[in-house]
C-alpha cells in the first residue's frame, strides 16, 4: 500500500471520529456491517506472493526463515449507507469503503484457514480469543491503492495496519479507508 507508516502518537490533527476509526481494536467488518443492510466482501485475490519490504520488516524475525512462503489476500469491503432512500436503494451501487491487504503464513492457509474463501478475515480473528493484536501503525494514502489515481481536492485518506499473533503464526492486516468510507462521514 502506498503509505508511510507511523506510530499514531506521531500524527497530529486527527479528528476524534477519525482516530476512533483508525485505532478501534474491535472488528472493522462488524462495525461496517452495522452501518448497512448491503455489506459485501469482494475477494480480489489470494495467492502466494512476495510481501513488500515494509511488510517483511514486521513479519520476518531472526527465528523465522526468509524462505517461508506467504499468501497475500486482498479484498474490498463494500456497502450502502443505511440512510439511502428505500426507493433508491436497489438502484444505488455498493460503495467501496475499505481495501484490505493481508499477509498470511502459507502454512496457516493450508491448515486452520484452508476454507477461508470469501469469508471476512475478521470473522476468524475476532471469534478466536487466542489472537493477540499489536499496536496500530497509521498513515495517509496519497493515491488509491487499486487504481493508483491520486486523490483529488486535497482529500486525505487514511490507512492502518497491525500484526496478529496466534500460536506460532504471525499475520499482518492493513486496511485503507477509501474516500466513501464511513470514517469520513
Foldseek 3Di string as FASTA:
>chain_A
DQWDWAAVVVDPDDDPLLCCLQFPPAQPLVVVVVFAPDKFKAWPDKDWDDDDPVQCVVFDDPVDDPPFIKIKTKIFIWHDGPPPPPVCVVVDDIDGFKIKIKIWGVVCCVPVVVPCPRPDPSVVQVVDPQKDKDGKIKGWDQADPPPRHGDPDPDTWMKMKIWIDGDPIIMIMIMTGDPVHPSVD
